[in-house]
């Protein structure tokens, strides 16, 4: 084996640690924006409506992730990851240091593009560098670490406030990855899959994404887009409605909500790990069916419940079903040949799948008017997972044993 390829094979733990750290910071900053933006807006005299428009603007930055992910197909995974990490960290510093709400919004708009890029590449590079029989568990572990990043800002916020600093101080923590950049440069190599396909990737211009319209790829791409749309729609409809519902309709206190979310982190973490192990043992399709069922059942049980214990049990099931994100990331990394892999995944998720998150609040609000309550609307919409499942199982091949270092024509 050439020396350059052997590096990845003998140090998967180092590679995982660095990619997991990148995914942690991505999730950390994703949540941090929602906590810091109201404070920055208040200091700048920006009203609630302008704040909501700014948050929507920042969120659309994720769609631009299609561009750097496509570049990763013909420039390489490693350089795009390094640029994304550096740019994300520097933009966090800009946002933390500026008192301007416009600068804050613009910095996080571009940072969001880089964040989704580094997360997608973390999964993709890990999947390209570990043996097929172990890909699921490694990807699940990566998702578990990212789930800790989601919880960290909210858990650290009271501590930061107690010692006399504002939540914006956490932006500097989000930029800490810049200090670690020399480690990424030294220890993260290019993936074996891209090295073996370098000539094909370099020769394929942006028009090669038209290859997704070919018979061999069309059904796979449509299925991946549907999968991401389903995951994003379910997440936004359920998790996005949870806090207003338990506080406004079930009368929970802020302390109860905080305890619920803190305990839910454990189940979210375990959900990713279980999803990863199941993907390796049962397969991608069976694990996907199981977790889509858990997501629908948990959400319906939670939002239709009145007893606090039933709400908690339903929410914990929903949190564990968050392992769907690791499943979707893994399947997306396995469906396409190397010269289409990152771009196709980016287009399916950032270009199409995120529409699900945008449409979910509209769906919840519209259906609530028809059925009479937000809880019933969310419970019914959560069942959409089960409607999508037959199409997904029909269109998605089992990719558990697929080798990612083969030319496109030879992939299973």
Protein backbone atom coordinates (compact mmCIF):
# COMPACT_ATOMS: atom_id res chain seq x y z
CA UNK A 1 0.00 0.00 0.00
CA UNK A 2 1.41 3.45 -0.82
CA UNK A 3 2.63 5.41 2.17
CA UNK A 4 0.08 8.23 1.66
CA UNK A 5 -2.80 5.77 1.84
CA UNK A 6 -1.39 3.82 4.75
CA UNK A 7 -1.50 6.91 6.99
CA UNK A 8 -5.29 6.86 7.05
CA UNK A 9 -5.48 3.11 7.60
CA UNK A 10 -3.25 3.04 10.69
CA UNK A 11 -4.61 6.17 12.39
CA UNK A 12 -8.41 6.07 12.17
CA UNK A 13 -8.70 7.18 15.79
CA UNK A 14 -6.76 10.40 15.16
CA UNK A 15 -8.77 11.11 12.04
CA UNK A 16 -12.02 10.48 13.89
CA UNK A 17 -11.03 12.72 16.81
CA UNK A 18 -10.28 15.67 14.54
CA UNK A 19 -13.37 15.20 12.39
CA UNK A 20 -15.52 14.77 15.50
CA UNK A 21 -14.12 18.00 16.91
CA UNK A 22 -15.04 19.77 13.68
CA UNK A 23 -18.58 18.40 13.88
CA UNK A 24 -18.82 19.48 17.53
CA UNK A 25 -17.92 23.08 16.69
CA UNK A 26 -20.38 23.09 13.78
CA UNK A 27 -23.25 22.02 16.03
CA UNK A 28 -22.07 24.34 18.82
CA UNK A 29 -22.13 27.41 16.60
CA UNK A 30 -25.43 26.42 14.97
CA UNK A 31 -27.21 26.65 18.33
CA UNK A 32 -25.13 29.57 19.58
CA UNK A 33 -26.41 31.85 16.84
CA UNK A 34 -29.96 31.46 18.10
CA UNK A 35 -28.86 32.35 21.64
CA UNK A 36 -26.59 35.28 20.75
CA UNK A 37 -28.63 36.95 18.02
CA UNK A 38 -31.36 38.33 20.35
CA UNK A 39 -28.69 39.87 22.61
CA UNK A 40 -26.88 41.50 19.70
CA UNK A 41 -30.16 42.73 18.24
CA UNK A 42 -31.22 44.23 21.58
CA UNK A 43 -27.91 46.06 21.97
CA UNK A 44 -28.20 47.42 18.42
CA UNK A 45 -31.81 48.50 18.87
CA UNK A 46 -33.14 45.97 16.33
CA UNK A 47 -36.79 44.97 16.74
CA UNK A 48 -38.28 41.44 16.85
CA UNK A 49 -39.40 41.40 13.21
CA UNK A 50 -35.98 42.47 11.93
CA UNK A 51 -34.41 39.84 14.18
CA UNK A 52 -36.55 37.09 12.67
CA UNK A 53 -35.70 38.25 9.15
CA UNK A 54 -32.01 38.20 10.04
CA UNK A 55 -32.23 34.67 11.45
CA UNK A 56 -34.01 33.52 8.30
CA UNK A 57 -31.29 35.19 6.21
CA UNK A 58 -28.54 33.45 8.20
CA UNK A 59 -30.29 30.09 7.77
CA UNK A 60 -30.32 30.46 3.98
CA UNK A 61 -26.53 30.48 4.04
CA UNK A 62 -26.71 26.70 4.35
CA UNK A 63 -27.99 26.48 0.78
CA UNK A 64 -24.69 27.94 -0.45
CA UNK A 65 -22.98 24.85 0.97
CA UNK A 66 -23.72 23.26 -2.39
CA UNK A 67 -20.81 25.24 -3.88
CA UNK A 68 -17.91 24.22 -1.62
CA UNK A 69 -19.20 20.65 -1.46
CA UNK A 70 -19.13 20.50 -5.24
CA UNK A 71 -15.58 21.87 -5.18
CA UNK A 72 -14.63 19.00 -2.87
CA UNK A 73 -15.34 16.61 -5.75
CA UNK A 74 -12.61 18.01 -7.96
CA UNK A 75 -10.26 19.93 -5.65
CA UNK A 76 -10.24 17.34 -2.89
CA UNK A 77 -11.93 16.81 0.45
CA UNK A 78 -8.95 17.95 2.53
CA UNK A 79 -8.40 21.48 1.14
CA UNK A 80 -12.10 22.31 1.23
CA UNK A 81 -12.37 21.07 4.82
CA UNK A 82 -9.35 23.13 5.91
CA UNK A 83 -10.66 26.30 4.27
CA UNK A 84 -14.09 25.73 5.79
CA UNK A 85 -12.66 25.28 9.29
CA UNK A 86 -10.45 28.35 9.02
CA UNK A 87 -13.17 30.53 7.53
CA UNK A 88 -15.78 29.42 10.05
CA UNK A 89 -13.52 30.14 13.00
CA UNK A 90 -12.46 33.55 11.72
CA UNK A 91 -16.04 34.57 11.01
CA UNK A 92 -17.00 33.60 14.57
CA UNK A 93 -14.28 35.98 15.78
CA UNK A 94 -15.63 38.75 13.55
CA UNK A 95 -19.17 38.22 14.85
CA UNK A 96 -17.99 38.15 18.46
CA UNK A 97 -15.90 41.31 18.15
CA UNK A 98 -18.41 43.45 16.27
CA UNK A 99 -21.20 45.50 17.80
CA UNK A 100 -22.96 45.80 14.45
CA UNK A 101 -25.98 43.56 13.97
CA UNK A 102 -25.47 43.75 10.19
CA UNK A 103 -21.88 42.50 10.52
CA UNK A 104 -23.05 39.79 12.93
CA UNK A 105 -25.69 38.62 10.43
CA UNK A 106 -23.41 38.70 7.39
CA UNK A 107 -20.62 36.87 9.23
CA UNK A 108 -22.94 34.09 10.33
CA UNK A 109 -24.59 33.90 6.89
CA UNK A 110 -21.24 32.97 5.33
CA UNK A 111 -20.26 30.91 8.38
CA UNK A 112 -23.42 28.82 7.97
CA UNK A 113 -22.30 27.85 4.46
CA UNK A 114 -18.91 26.77 5.82
CA UNK A 115 -20.47 24.99 8.80
CA UNK A 116 -22.66 22.69 6.73
CA UNK A 117 -19.69 22.06 4.45
CA UNK A 118 -17.41 20.92 7.27
CA UNK A 119 -20.10 18.71 8.80
CA UNK A 120 -20.92 16.98 5.50
CA UNK A 121 -17.22 16.53 4.72
CA UNK A 122 -16.54 15.13 8.19
CA UNK A 123 -19.03 12.32 7.57
CA UNK A 124 -17.93 11.82 3.98
CA UNK A 125 -14.21 11.70 4.76
CA UNK A 126 -14.75 9.31 7.64
CA UNK A 127 -16.86 7.02 5.47
CA UNK A 128 -14.22 7.09 2.72
CA UNK A 129 -11.42 6.21 5.15
CA UNK A 130 -12.80 3.34 7.27
CA UNK A 131 -13.65 -0.23 6.21
CA UNK A 132 -17.23 -0.84 4.99
CA UNK A 133 -18.01 -3.17 7.89
CA UNK A 134 -17.25 -0.37 10.41
CA UNK A 135 -18.59 2.70 8.63
CA UNK A 136 -21.92 2.77 10.44
CA UNK A 137 -20.51 2.75 13.97
CA UNK A 138 -17.87 5.38 13.15
CA UNK A 139 -20.53 7.62 11.58
CA UNK A 140 -22.85 7.09 14.54
CA UNK A 141 -20.08 8.04 16.95
CA UNK A 142 -19.43 11.19 14.92
CA UNK A 143 -23.11 12.12 15.20
CA UNK A 144 -23.03 11.45 18.94
CA UNK A 145 -20.17 13.92 19.42
CA UNK A 146 -22.00 16.50 17.29
CA UNK A 147 -25.07 16.09 19.51
CA UNK A 148 -22.97 17.24 22.47
CA UNK A 149 -22.16 20.40 20.53
CA UNK A 150 -25.88 21.07 20.15
CA UNK A 151 -26.36 20.96 23.91
CA UNK A 152 -23.19 22.77 24.98
CA UNK A 153 -24.18 26.43 24.41
CA UNK A 154 -27.41 26.17 26.40
CA UNK A 155 -25.65 24.32 29.23
CA UNK A 156 -22.74 26.78 29.32
CA UNK A 157 -24.88 29.91 29.12
CA UNK A 158 -25.82 30.00 32.85
CA UNK A 159 -22.18 29.48 33.84
CA UNK A 160 -21.01 32.28 31.57
CA UNK A 161 -23.68 34.61 32.94
CA UNK A 162 -22.76 33.74 36.54
CA UNK A 163 -19.13 34.77 36.10
CA UNK A 164 -20.19 38.06 34.57
CA UNK A 165 -19.82 37.52 30.84
CA UNK A 166 -22.50 37.63 28.16
CA UNK A 167 -23.54 34.78 25.92
CA UNK A 168 -21.62 36.39 23.07
CA UNK A 169 -18.44 35.33 24.88
CA UNK A 170 -19.24 31.81 23.74
CA UNK A 171 -18.61 32.97 20.17
CA UNK A 172 -14.92 33.04 21.03
CA UNK A 173 -15.19 29.41 22.14
CA UNK A 174 -16.79 28.61 18.78
CA UNK A 175 -13.75 30.13 17.09
CA UNK A 176 -11.30 27.94 19.03
CA UNK A 177 -10.98 25.58 16.09
CA UNK A 178 -8.71 28.18 14.45
CA UNK A 179 -6.11 27.47 17.13
CA UNK A 180 -6.25 23.79 16.24
CA UNK A 181 -5.89 24.32 12.51
CA UNK A 182 -2.17 23.30 12.47
CA UNK A 183 -3.24 19.88 13.78
CA UNK A 184 -5.70 19.48 10.92
CA UNK A 185 -3.06 20.51 8.38
CA UNK A 186 -0.56 18.03 9.81
CA UNK A 187 -2.78 15.06 10.62
CA UNK A 188 -5.76 15.04 8.23
CA UNK A 189 -4.74 13.57 4.87
CA UNK A 190 -6.67 13.41 1.63
CA UNK A 191 -8.96 10.39 1.52
CA UNK A 192 -7.89 7.23 -0.32
CA UNK A 193 -11.08 7.34 -2.40
CA UNK A 194 -10.32 10.80 -3.76
CA UNK A 195 -6.64 9.99 -4.34
CA UNK A 196 -7.56 6.98 -6.46
CA UNK A 197 -10.11 8.98 -8.43
CA UNK A 198 -8.14 12.22 -8.70
CA UNK A 199 -7.87 12.13 -12.50
CA UNK A 200 -11.59 11.52 -12.98
CA UNK A 201 -12.48 14.18 -10.41
CA UNK A 202 -10.17 16.76 -11.96
CA UNK A 203 -11.60 16.11 -15.40
CA UNK A 204 -15.23 16.45 -14.28
CA UNK A 205 -16.36 20.06 -14.37
CA UNK A 206 -19.45 21.43 -12.68
CA UNK A 207 -21.59 20.12 -15.55
CA UNK A 208 -20.87 16.58 -14.38
CA UNK A 209 -23.64 17.01 -11.81
CA UNK A 210 -25.88 16.38 -14.81
CA UNK A 211 -24.76 12.81 -14.32
CA UNK A 212 -27.36 12.66 -11.56
CA UNK A 213 -29.99 12.64 -14.30
CA UNK A 214 -28.59 9.43 -15.74
CA UNK A 215 -30.59 6.27 -15.16
CA UNK A 216 -27.95 4.86 -12.79
CA UNK A 217 -28.13 7.84 -10.42
CA UNK A 218 -31.55 9.45 -10.90
CA UNK A 219 -33.52 7.24 -8.52
CA UNK A 220 -30.79 7.35 -5.88
CA UNK A 221 -30.61 11.12 -5.96
CA UNK A 222 -34.40 11.49 -5.73
CA UNK A 223 -34.46 9.09 -2.79
CA UNK A 224 -31.69 10.93 -0.95
CA UNK A 225 -33.44 14.27 -1.49
CA UNK A 226 -36.69 12.78 -0.16
CA UNK A 227 -34.86 11.33 2.84
CA UNK A 228 -33.32 14.68 3.76
CA UNK A 229 -36.62 16.49 3.17
CA UNK A 230 -38.34 14.02 5.51
CA UNK A 231 -35.68 14.33 8.23
CA UNK A 232 -35.58 18.13 8.06
CA UNK A 233 -39.39 18.42 8.00
CA UNK A 234 -39.81 16.07 10.97
CA UNK A 235 -37.11 17.83 13.00
CA UNK A 236 -38.49 21.32 12.42
CA UNK A 237 -42.13 20.31 12.93
CA UNK A 238 -41.54 18.42 16.17
CA UNK A 239 -38.50 19.89 17.91
CA UNK A 240 -39.39 23.38 16.70
CA UNK A 241 -42.88 23.12 18.21
CA UNK A 242 -41.95 21.42 21.46
CA UNK A 243 -40.96 24.35 23.69
CA UNK A 244 -43.86 26.69 22.80
CA UNK A 245 -46.26 23.77 23.24
CA UNK A 246 -45.13 22.48 26.65
CA UNK A 247 -44.91 26.01 28.04
CA UNK A 248 -48.01 27.49 26.42
CA UNK A 249 -50.41 24.52 26.39
CA UNK A 250 -49.13 22.24 29.14
CA UNK A 251 -48.02 24.95 31.55
CA UNK A 252 -44.46 23.77 32.13
CA UNK A 253 -42.02 26.09 33.88
CA UNK A 254 -38.66 27.15 32.46
CA UNK A 255 -36.91 24.93 35.01
CA UNK A 256 -38.88 21.87 33.88
CA UNK A 257 -38.05 22.58 30.24
CA UNK A 258 -34.36 22.96 31.06
CA UNK A 259 -34.34 19.63 32.91
CA UNK A 260 -36.12 17.94 30.01
CA UNK A 261 -33.67 19.22 27.42
CA UNK A 262 -30.64 18.39 29.57
CA UNK A 263 -31.80 14.81 30.07
CA UNK A 264 -32.66 14.53 26.38
CA UNK A 265 -29.00 15.05 25.46
CA UNK A 266 -28.24 11.58 26.83
CA UNK A 267 -30.86 9.96 24.61
CA UNK A 268 -29.77 11.97 21.59
CA UNK A 269 -26.18 10.83 22.14
CA UNK A 270 -27.23 7.19 22.56
CA UNK A 271 -29.53 7.38 19.55
CA UNK A 272 -26.62 8.14 17.26
CA UNK A 273 -24.50 5.35 18.72
CA UNK A 274 -27.32 2.82 18.41
CA UNK A 275 -28.05 3.95 14.86
CA UNK A 276 -24.40 3.42 13.95
CA UNK A 277 -24.21 -0.08 15.40
CA UNK A 278 -27.53 -1.01 13.81
CA UNK A 279 -26.38 0.21 10.39
CA UNK A 280 -23.45 -2.20 10.55
CA UNK A 281 -25.45 -5.15 11.89
CA UNK A 282 -28.91 -4.76 10.35
CA UNK A 283 -28.10 -2.59 7.35
CA UNK A 284 -28.95 0.93 6.27
CA UNK A 285 -32.48 0.20 5.06
CA UNK A 286 -33.60 -1.69 8.15
CA UNK A 287 -32.10 0.91 10.49
CA UNK A 288 -33.74 3.71 8.54
CA UNK A 289 -37.14 2.02 8.81
CA UNK A 290 -36.68 1.50 12.56
CA UNK A 291 -35.68 5.09 13.27
CA UNK A 292 -38.37 6.64 11.06
CA UNK A 293 -40.89 4.56 13.01
CA UNK A 294 -39.41 5.72 16.33
CA UNK A 295 -39.52 9.33 15.15
CA UNK A 296 -43.19 9.14 14.18
CA UNK A 297 -44.27 7.15 17.24
CA UNK A 298 -42.31 9.23 19.72
CA UNK A 299 -43.61 12.54 18.36
CA UNK A 300 -47.22 11.38 18.28
CA UNK A 301 -47.00 9.98 21.80
CA UNK A 302 -45.37 13.14 23.12
CA UNK A 303 -47.70 15.72 21.58
CA UNK A 304 -50.92 13.82 22.28
CA UNK A 305 -50.01 13.23 25.93
CA UNK A 306 -51.25 15.19 28.92
CA UNK A 307 -49.41 13.33 31.68
CA UNK A 308 -45.90 14.73 32.27
CA UNK A 309 -44.33 11.27 32.37
CA UNK A 310 -45.80 10.38 28.99
CA UNK A 311 -44.54 13.65 27.51
CA UNK A 312 -41.06 12.94 28.86
CA UNK A 313 -41.06 9.39 27.47
CA UNK A 314 -42.22 10.62 24.08
CA UNK A 315 -39.59 13.33 24.00
CA UNK A 316 -36.81 10.92 24.95
CA UNK A 317 -37.89 8.68 22.07
CA UNK A 318 -37.80 11.67 19.73
CA UNK A 319 -34.32 12.59 20.98
CA UNK A 320 -33.06 9.06 20.33
CA UNK A 321 -34.62 9.17 16.87
CA UNK A 322 -32.25 12.05 16.14
CA UNK A 323 -29.91 9.25 15.07
CA UNK A 324 -31.68 9.70 11.73
CA UNK A 325 -29.15 12.42 10.95
CA UNK A 326 -26.23 9.98 11.15
CA UNK A 327 -28.18 7.49 9.04
CA UNK A 328 -28.92 10.06 6.35
CA UNK A 329 -25.33 11.33 6.33
CA UNK A 330 -23.99 7.79 5.98
CA UNK A 331 -26.38 6.80 3.20
CA UNK A 332 -25.62 10.05 1.38
CA UNK A 333 -21.90 9.29 1.51
CA UNK A 334 -22.39 5.80 0.06
CA UNK A 335 -24.76 6.28 -2.87
CA UNK A 336 -22.64 8.00 -5.51
CA UNK A 337 -19.27 7.65 -7.26
CA UNK A 338 -16.38 9.72 -5.95
CA UNK A 339 -16.55 12.46 -8.57
CA UNK A 340 -20.23 13.12 -7.72
CA UNK A 341 -20.36 12.14 -4.06
CA UNK A 342 -19.97 15.44 -2.18
CA UNK A 343 -21.82 17.53 -4.75
CA UNK A 344 -24.75 15.15 -5.01
CA UNK A 345 -25.09 14.95 -1.24
CA UNK A 346 -24.87 18.73 -0.96
CA UNK A 347 -27.52 19.29 -3.61
CA UNK A 348 -29.86 16.70 -2.07
CA UNK A 349 -29.53 18.05 1.47
CA UNK A 350 -28.72 21.75 1.24
CA UNK A 351 -30.55 22.40 -2.02
CA UNK A 352 -33.70 20.30 -1.57
CA UNK A 353 -33.82 18.71 1.86
CA UNK A 354 -33.69 21.98 3.78
CA UNK A 355 -36.93 23.03 2.13
CA UNK A 356 -38.50 20.62 4.59
CA UNK A 357 -37.36 22.77 7.52
CA UNK A 358 -38.74 25.88 5.82
CA UNK A 359 -42.12 24.33 5.06
CA UNK A 360 -42.63 22.64 8.44
CA UNK A 361 -43.82 25.75 10.36
CA UNK A 362 -46.24 26.54 7.54
CA UNK A 363 -47.54 22.98 7.63
CA UNK A 364 -47.95 22.98 11.40
CA UNK A 365 -49.73 26.32 11.43
CA UNK A 366 -52.06 25.47 8.55
CA UNK A 367 -53.00 22.04 9.85
CA UNK A 368 -53.49 23.41 13.39
CA UNK A 369 -56.25 25.65 12.04
CA UNK A 370 -57.98 22.61 10.55
CA UNK A 371 -57.66 20.17 13.46
CA UNK A 372 -57.93 22.71 16.27
CA UNK A 373 -54.57 22.44 18.03
CA UNK A 374 -50.85 22.58 17.45
CA UNK A 375 -50.34 19.29 19.29
CA UNK A 376 -52.70 17.37 17.00
CA UNK A 377 -51.17 19.00 13.92
CA UNK A 378 -47.63 17.97 14.93
CA UNK A 379 -48.78 14.45 15.79
CA UNK A 380 -50.36 14.01 12.36
CA UNK A 381 -47.46 15.57 10.46
CA UNK A 382 -45.00 13.31 12.29
CA UNK A 383 -46.70 10.38 10.60
CA UNK A 384 -45.48 11.70 7.23
CA UNK A 385 -42.32 9.69 7.92
CA UNK A 386 -44.34 6.51 7.46
CA UNK A 387 -45.75 7.77 4.16
CA UNK A 388 -42.23 8.38 2.83
CA UNK A 389 -40.85 5.05 4.07
CA UNK A 390 -42.18 2.75 1.28
CA UNK A 391 -40.75 5.07 -1.38
CA UNK A 392 -37.41 5.23 0.41
CA UNK A 393 -37.14 1.46 0.79
CA UNK A 394 -38.05 1.00 -2.88
CA UNK A 395 -35.56 3.56 -4.18
CA UNK A 396 -32.59 3.18 -1.82
CA UNK A 397 -30.23 0.24 -2.33
CA UNK A 398 -28.54 -1.43 0.63
CA UNK A 399 -25.11 0.22 0.80
CA UNK A 400 -23.65 -1.46 3.88
CA UNK A 401 -20.96 -3.34 1.92
CA UNK A 402 -20.31 -0.78 -0.84
CA UNK A 403 -16.67 0.14 -1.37
CA UNK A 404 -16.23 3.87 -1.79
CA UNK A 405 -12.83 3.72 -3.49
CA UNK A 406 -14.08 2.13 -6.72
CA UNK A 407 -14.74 3.98 -9.97
CA UNK A 408 -18.38 4.94 -10.46
CA UNK A 409 -19.09 2.24 -13.00
CA UNK A 410 -18.03 -0.44 -10.55
CA UNK A 411 -19.94 0.74 -7.51
CA UNK A 412 -22.71 -1.45 -6.19
